[in-house]
Every structure is written in C-alpha cells, then in structure tokens.
Amino acid sequence: MTRALSPSLADALATGTVVLDGGMSNQLESAGYALSDALWSARLLAERPEAVVEAHLAYFLAGASVAITASYQATFEGFARRGIGREEAARLLSLSVELAREAARRAGEAGVDRPLWVAASVGPYGAMLADGSEYRGRYGLGVAELERFHRPRMEVLAAAAPDVLALETVPDADEGAALLGAVRGLGVPAWLSYSVHGRHTRAGQPLEDAFAPAADVDEIIAVGVNCCASEDVEPAVEIAARVTGKPVVVYPNSGEAWDADARAWTGRSTFDTGQVEAWRAAGARLIGGCCRVGPPTITELASTLK
C-alpha cells in the first residue's frame, strides 16, 4: 500500500494499536548473511539490497505493519571507514527507505490488505562506534556535538520520504535532547525510543527526565523504549505515558545480552508475548520486537493484539 493511500501513523496510533517488526539483523543472519563487521546490517545495503527487501517482507507477511529500515548503523562516518564517499553514503541511506517501500509493495501483491508504514532508523552515536557504547551512553560529547552528528543523515533520510523517523536505542538523555533538536523542521514525524535498565536510561538518568523534553516537540508522535529486557517495559510505558501524554512505542529484545567484544549474543530468550496486553493497558500503542525477535514471535504478538 502506498503512503498516499495509508492513514498517517499518528492517526492510527490515536485509534488503536499498531504492530512493529522484529530484529533486522537476526532475520538476515537466519538467511545466511554474516553481520560481524562494524557496519552490521547496513553493509547489505551496498552488497545485498535484495536480502534487506526479503527481511522486511518476512515481517510484513508475519503480521507487522511497520518496517524499520536497515539504516540503524548507517552513518557518513561509518561508511567513510569502508572507503564509501559521502555521495554514495547518502544514496545508501535513501536506499534503505526504498527497500522497505519495495517490501511493502510486494506484501500488497501477496495479499496483505492493511496500511503498511516505513520507519527510517536513526541509531545512536554509539552504534557508529560499533563498540557496544550504545548500551552505555556518556560518549564524552555534548548535546550540540551530538546534534551536529545526527542532523545530516536525518536530513537525507527525511528527504527519502519515510512515514516516520525511528530515533531508537538511545542510551542517554543528552543524546535524546540532541535528537529532539535535530528532528525539528525536517517535516517528518518521529518516535523517540530509549534503551533502558529499570527506571533509568542506560546512562543512569531517571526516565522521567529523559522523556519530559519530548512532550513539547510537535514532530514526536510516540515515545518509549526498545532493545531492553521485556521486564523493563511495563514501568517505562507507564512513565512515558504519564510524563508526555503521547502514545508509547515498545519493542524489547529477546532478553539475550550482546557481547560487544565477541560480537555475539549470550544468554536465553525471555520475550513472552503474553506480556503485551499489560503493555497495551499501560499505554503502549506501537508494539514489536528488537534484536533476536523474529517473524514467528511477531505473528504471535499480532494475533495477541487482535
């Protein structure tokens, strides 16, 4: 379904619950692609764009209505380290949106008859560093420096006309403030999603303080959490809804832990789709999964939310 024929995502969230996709990286890995280098799934934008389309399509067919693009770790700086110039990097950023649109088109041809939206992923500064610091924050940069880092690629992604920008896996309230500054005036709505531990950001700030600035930013249509343990979701949803008055987005990971040195996941999955009704009751309106949550789980989640 084309963007012109779909209601806005903000309108959909005002009237009901929308299902997000799951993890891009695990879906690509399950198809046989190695993602151990610093560009992670963004590498396939250049090398195997068809694989990205197929990953998005798998989630649409599983029941998701929102595809999050493979641009989480796509930055001018990260591409430059691989010898990719600024013009080509901008093309790859735009391509990430086009590939998700192509998956939505194919889903429609396959009989999916519901609005489908594309969320352009904007990962944190730490994702570019590829050293696990997106789970810590406190990079030693100020708000103004972080805003200058994020704004150029956000401009490119916005120009590609996604339905929404996903400002996601943000570990630090300072980076959240930088992203709120960078999104102003782009002409594209956005959600802001923190990575959390308990009732605090990964950098240790109270969630009340982290969420509060988003309340007055017109571009922000939802706030919430992602890439966290599922047990951290419900209290964060309550705080986000109370502090901002906006719909809440949640997409926790499987419960496994990322080992940045080994570049591998450890532990066991604790994601339980039986929890989603409690999340919805607390205020969640945009619900999916993050790392290690695949299409079968999204199918269960979509069925539960019906």
Protein backbone atom coordinates (compact mmCIF):
# COMPACT_ATOMS: atom_id res chain seq x y z
CA MET A 1 0.00 0.00 0.00
CA THR A 2 1.42 3.38 -0.92
CA ARG A 3 1.99 6.15 1.54
CA ALA A 4 -0.68 8.32 -0.11
CA LEU A 5 -3.37 5.69 0.46
CA SER A 6 -2.50 4.99 4.10
CA PRO A 7 -3.66 6.97 7.10
CA SER A 8 -0.80 8.60 8.96
CA LEU A 9 0.83 6.51 11.63
CA ALA A 10 -0.08 9.17 14.17
CA ASP A 11 -3.76 8.80 13.27
CA ALA A 12 -3.52 5.02 13.53
CA LEU A 13 -1.97 5.28 16.99
CA ALA A 14 -4.76 7.59 18.10
CA THR A 15 -7.37 4.94 17.36
CA GLY A 16 -5.69 1.61 18.02
CA THR A 17 -2.55 -0.50 18.36
CA VAL A 18 -0.02 -0.98 15.56
CA VAL A 19 2.38 -3.92 15.25
CA LEU A 20 6.07 -3.25 14.60
CA ASP A 21 8.50 -5.67 13.03
CA GLY A 22 11.26 -7.59 14.82
CA GLY A 23 15.03 -7.62 14.57
CA MET A 24 16.57 -6.95 11.16
CA SER A 25 19.95 -8.50 11.99
CA ASN A 26 18.63 -11.85 13.20
CA GLN A 27 16.41 -12.18 10.14
CA LEU A 28 19.35 -11.52 7.84
CA GLU A 29 21.54 -13.93 9.80
CA SER A 30 18.88 -16.62 9.54
CA ALA A 31 19.08 -16.19 5.76
CA GLY A 32 22.80 -16.93 5.92
CA TYR A 33 24.38 -13.47 5.96
CA ALA A 34 27.29 -12.77 8.32
CA LEU A 35 26.94 -9.43 10.13
CA SER A 36 30.02 -9.39 12.33
CA ASP A 37 31.66 -6.27 10.89
CA ALA A 38 31.22 -2.70 12.11
CA LEU A 39 28.53 -1.77 9.58
CA TRP A 40 26.31 -4.63 10.75
CA SER A 41 23.13 -4.88 8.63
CA ALA A 42 23.96 -1.59 6.86
CA ARG A 43 26.67 -3.47 4.94
CA LEU A 44 23.97 -5.28 2.98
CA LEU A 45 22.52 -2.01 1.69
CA ALA A 46 25.53 -1.94 -0.61
CA GLU A 47 26.22 -5.64 -1.04
CA ARG A 48 22.86 -7.45 -0.93
CA PRO A 49 19.91 -5.00 -1.08
CA GLU A 50 17.54 -7.78 -2.15
CA ALA A 51 18.24 -9.55 1.15
CA VAL A 52 17.03 -6.45 3.01
CA VAL A 53 13.80 -6.42 0.98
CA GLU A 54 13.21 -10.08 1.79
CA ALA A 55 13.80 -9.48 5.50
CA HIS A 56 11.24 -6.66 5.57
CA LEU A 57 8.79 -8.75 3.58
CA ALA A 58 9.06 -11.63 6.05
CA TYR A 59 7.89 -9.32 8.83
CA PHE A 60 5.04 -7.82 6.80
CA LEU A 61 3.84 -11.33 5.99
CA ALA A 62 4.20 -12.29 9.66
CA GLY A 63 1.78 -9.54 10.72
CA ALA A 64 3.86 -6.40 11.19
CA SER A 65 2.52 -3.11 9.84
CA VAL A 66 5.72 -1.06 10.30
CA ALA A 67 9.12 -1.86 8.80
CA ILE A 68 12.17 -0.28 10.45
CA THR A 69 14.85 0.33 7.83
CA ALA A 70 18.37 -1.14 7.80
CA SER A 71 19.91 2.28 8.47
CA TYR A 72 20.46 1.90 12.24
CA GLN A 73 24.23 1.65 11.83
CA ALA A 74 24.39 3.61 8.55
CA THR A 75 26.32 6.86 9.01
CA PHE A 76 28.56 9.00 6.84
CA GLU A 77 31.41 8.35 9.26
CA GLY A 78 30.92 4.59 9.33
CA PHE A 79 30.70 4.32 5.56
CA ALA A 80 33.79 6.52 5.17
CA ARG A 81 35.84 3.97 7.12
CA ARG A 82 34.94 1.46 4.42
CA GLY A 83 36.04 3.82 1.67
CA ILE A 84 32.49 4.86 0.77
CA GLY A 85 32.26 8.56 -0.08
CA ARG A 86 29.62 10.97 1.09
CA GLU A 87 27.53 10.91 -2.09
CA GLU A 88 27.35 7.11 -2.16
CA ALA A 89 26.64 7.01 1.57
CA ALA A 90 23.69 9.36 1.06
CA ARG A 91 22.43 7.11 -1.73
CA LEU A 92 22.61 4.07 0.56
CA LEU A 93 20.75 5.89 3.32
CA SER A 94 17.98 6.78 0.87
CA LEU A 95 18.02 3.25 -0.49
CA SER A 96 17.19 1.87 2.94
CA VAL A 97 13.81 3.60 2.72
CA GLU A 98 13.25 2.49 -0.87
CA LEU A 99 13.91 -1.15 0.03
CA ALA A 100 11.31 -1.07 2.79
CA ARG A 101 8.82 0.51 0.36
CA GLU A 102 9.53 -2.27 -2.13
CA ALA A 103 8.83 -4.86 0.56
CA ALA A 104 5.51 -3.16 1.32
CA ARG A 105 4.62 -3.27 -2.39
CA ARG A 106 5.39 -6.98 -2.57
CA ALA A 107 3.40 -7.61 0.59
CA GLY A 108 0.40 -5.98 -1.07
CA GLU A 109 0.86 -8.22 -4.11
CA ALA A 110 0.96 -11.21 -1.74
CA GLY A 111 -2.43 -10.28 -0.32
CA VAL A 112 -1.56 -8.16 2.74
CA ASP A 113 -4.52 -5.77 2.92
CA ARG A 114 -3.77 -3.27 5.67
CA PRO A 115 -1.85 0.01 5.91
CA LEU A 116 1.91 -0.51 5.91
CA TRP A 117 4.37 2.12 7.08
CA VAL A 118 8.13 2.66 6.80
CA ALA A 119 10.17 3.92 9.76
CA ALA A 120 13.66 5.18 8.89
CA SER A 121 16.01 4.05 11.64
CA VAL A 122 18.33 6.58 13.25
CA GLY A 123 20.60 4.72 15.63
CA PRO A 124 22.63 6.36 18.42
CA TYR A 125 26.17 7.71 18.11
CA GLY A 126 27.43 4.57 19.83
CA ALA A 127 26.13 2.39 17.00
CA MET A 128 28.59 4.12 14.65
CA LEU A 129 31.43 3.39 17.10
CA ALA A 130 30.47 -0.31 16.99
CA ASP A 131 31.96 -0.92 20.44
CA GLY A 132 28.84 -1.52 22.49
CA SER A 133 28.69 2.06 23.77
CA GLU A 134 25.12 2.42 22.53
CA TYR A 135 24.29 0.43 25.67
CA ARG A 136 26.21 2.82 27.92
CA GLY A 137 25.96 6.37 26.56
CA ARG A 138 28.19 9.05 28.06
CA TYR A 139 30.34 9.36 24.93
CA GLY A 140 32.15 12.48 26.12
CA LEU A 141 30.25 14.65 23.62
CA GLY A 142 27.86 17.50 24.41
CA VAL A 143 24.32 17.91 23.14
CA ALA A 144 25.37 20.34 20.40
CA GLU A 145 28.08 17.98 19.11
CA LEU A 146 25.64 15.06 19.02
CA GLU A 147 23.06 17.15 17.19
CA ARG A 148 25.67 18.06 14.55
CA PHE A 149 26.44 14.35 14.12
CA HIS A 150 22.82 13.26 13.71
CA ARG A 151 21.30 16.06 11.65
CA PRO A 152 22.97 15.41 8.23
CA ARG A 153 21.89 11.78 7.92
CA MET A 154 18.46 12.61 9.32
CA GLU A 155 18.10 15.19 6.54
CA VAL A 156 18.94 12.53 3.94
CA LEU A 157 16.54 10.01 5.45
CA ALA A 158 13.76 12.60 5.72
CA ALA A 159 14.23 13.53 2.05
CA ALA A 160 13.61 9.86 1.15
CA ALA A 161 10.05 10.33 2.49
CA PRO A 162 9.62 7.66 5.13
CA ASP A 163 6.40 7.74 7.12
CA VAL A 164 8.30 8.31 10.34
CA LEU A 165 11.83 8.51 11.72
CA ALA A 166 12.70 5.95 14.40
CA LEU A 167 15.11 7.68 16.79
CA GLU A 168 15.95 4.46 18.55
CA THR A 169 18.09 2.64 21.10
CA VAL A 170 19.08 5.97 22.67
CA PRO A 171 21.09 5.25 25.85
CA ASP A 172 21.46 8.77 27.19
CA ALA A 173 19.09 11.67 27.89
CA ASP A 174 21.68 14.09 26.45
CA GLU A 175 21.57 12.23 23.14
CA GLY A 176 17.79 12.24 23.35
CA ALA A 177 17.89 16.03 23.66
CA ALA A 178 20.23 16.21 20.66
CA LEU A 179 17.89 14.10 18.54
CA LEU A 180 14.91 16.23 19.56
CA GLY A 181 16.82 19.26 18.36
CA ALA A 182 17.88 17.57 15.11
CA VAL A 183 14.38 16.44 14.17
CA ARG A 184 12.85 19.91 14.31
CA GLY A 185 11.91 21.32 10.94
CA LEU A 186 12.55 18.15 8.94
CA GLY A 187 8.89 17.80 8.02
CA VAL A 188 8.72 14.12 9.05
CA PRO A 189 7.18 12.79 12.28
CA ALA A 190 9.34 10.70 14.59
CA TRP A 191 9.33 8.50 17.63
CA LEU A 192 11.99 8.65 20.35
CA SER A 193 12.91 5.37 21.99
CA TYR A 194 15.42 4.84 24.80
CA SER A 195 17.37 1.74 25.75
CA VAL A 196 16.80 1.38 29.47
CA HIS A 197 17.62 -0.55 32.60
CA GLY A 198 14.87 -0.46 35.18
CA ARG A 199 13.51 3.08 35.53
CA HIS A 200 16.64 4.72 34.14
CA THR A 201 18.35 5.22 30.82
CA ARG A 202 21.42 3.10 30.20
CA ALA A 203 23.47 6.17 31.17
CA GLY A 204 21.67 6.27 34.52
CA GLN A 205 19.26 9.22 34.17
CA PRO A 206 15.69 8.88 35.52
CA LEU A 207 13.24 8.13 32.73
CA GLU A 208 11.01 10.99 33.85
CA ASP A 209 13.82 13.40 32.99
CA ALA A 210 14.63 11.66 29.71
CA PHE A 211 11.05 11.58 28.40
CA ALA A 212 9.91 15.02 29.57
CA PRO A 213 11.50 17.15 26.78
CA ALA A 214 9.66 15.13 24.09
CA ALA A 215 6.28 16.27 25.40
CA ASP A 216 6.58 19.67 23.71
CA VAL A 217 8.13 18.59 20.39
CA ASP A 218 5.42 18.50 17.74
CA GLU A 219 7.38 16.15 15.48
CA ILE A 220 7.39 13.41 18.12
CA ILE A 221 4.32 11.18 17.73
CA ALA A 222 5.39 8.49 20.21
CA VAL A 223 7.97 7.89 22.93
CA GLY A 224 9.12 4.70 24.56
CA VAL A 225 11.77 2.01 24.88
CA ASN A 226 13.47 -0.61 22.75
CA CYS A 227 16.35 -3.10 22.85
CA CYS A 228 15.81 -3.66 26.55
CA ALA A 229 14.71 -6.63 28.61
CA SER A 230 10.98 -7.26 28.46
CA GLU A 231 10.68 -6.96 32.25
CA ASP A 232 11.77 -3.32 31.96
CA VAL A 233 8.97 -2.43 29.55
CA GLU A 234 5.86 -2.02 31.69
CA PRO A 235 7.21 0.52 34.21
CA ALA A 236 8.80 2.50 31.36
CA VAL A 237 5.49 2.59 29.47
CA GLU A 238 3.70 3.99 32.49
CA ILE A 239 6.34 6.71 32.94
CA ALA A 240 6.40 7.65 29.25
CA ALA A 241 2.63 7.92 29.01
CA ARG A 242 2.32 9.92 32.22
CA VAL A 243 5.17 12.34 31.51
CA THR A 244 4.47 13.08 27.83
CA GLY A 245 0.80 12.28 27.22
CA LYS A 246 1.84 10.71 23.90
CA PRO A 247 1.32 7.18 22.56
CA VAL A 248 4.05 4.81 23.68
CA VAL A 249 6.29 2.64 21.49
CA VAL A 250 7.86 -0.55 22.87
CA TYR A 251 10.00 -3.17 21.19
CA PRO A 252 12.23 -5.06 23.62
CA ASN A 253 14.86 -7.56 22.56
CA SER A 254 14.70 -11.28 23.21
CA GLY A 255 16.32 -10.99 26.62
CA GLU A 256 19.70 -12.19 25.45
CA ALA A 257 22.76 -9.96 26.04
CA TRP A 258 25.11 -8.50 23.43
CA ASP A 259 28.81 -9.22 23.93
CA ALA A 260 30.50 -6.34 22.05
CA ASP A 261 33.96 -7.96 22.21
CA ALA A 262 32.83 -11.30 20.82
CA ARG A 263 30.18 -9.61 18.64
CA ALA A 264 27.71 -12.31 19.66
CA TRP A 265 24.57 -12.77 21.74
CA THR A 266 24.64 -14.71 25.00
CA GLY A 267 22.04 -15.96 27.45
CA ARG A 268 18.50 -17.14 26.80
CA SER A 269 15.33 -15.62 25.39
CA THR A 270 12.80 -14.28 27.90
CA PHE A 271 10.47 -12.47 25.45
CA ASP A 272 6.90 -13.54 26.24
CA THR A 273 4.05 -12.34 24.01
CA GLY A 274 1.74 -12.90 26.97
CA GLN A 275 3.07 -9.63 28.39
CA VAL A 276 1.84 -7.42 25.56
CA GLU A 277 -1.69 -6.96 26.91
CA ALA A 278 -0.21 -5.46 30.07
CA TRP A 279 1.96 -3.18 27.94
CA ARG A 280 -1.07 -2.04 25.99
CA ALA A 281 -3.05 -1.47 29.17
CA ALA A 282 -0.22 0.74 30.45
CA GLY A 283 -0.33 2.89 27.31
CA ALA A 284 1.69 1.13 24.59
CA ARG A 285 0.24 1.65 21.12
CA LEU A 286 3.16 0.70 18.86
CA ILE A 287 4.46 -2.74 19.83
CA GLY A 288 7.04 -5.09 18.33
CA GLY A 289 10.39 -6.70 18.97
CA CYS A 290 14.04 -5.77 18.63
CA CYS A 291 17.19 -7.89 18.47
CA ARG A 292 16.66 -11.65 18.26
CA VAL A 293 12.88 -11.36 17.94
CA GLY A 294 11.90 -12.98 14.64
CA PRO A 295 8.82 -13.36 12.41
CA PRO A 296 7.23 -16.26 14.34
CA THR A 297 7.16 -14.13 17.51
CA ILE A 298 5.73 -11.15 15.59
CA THR A 299 2.96 -13.43 14.31
CA GLU A 300 2.15 -14.43 17.90
CA LEU A 301 2.27 -10.81 19.01
CA ALA A 302 -0.02 -9.66 16.18
CA SER A 303 -2.51 -12.42 17.00
CA THR A 304 -2.50 -11.44 20.67
CA LEU A 305 -3.08 -7.76 19.89
CA LYS A 306 -6.07 -8.53 17.68
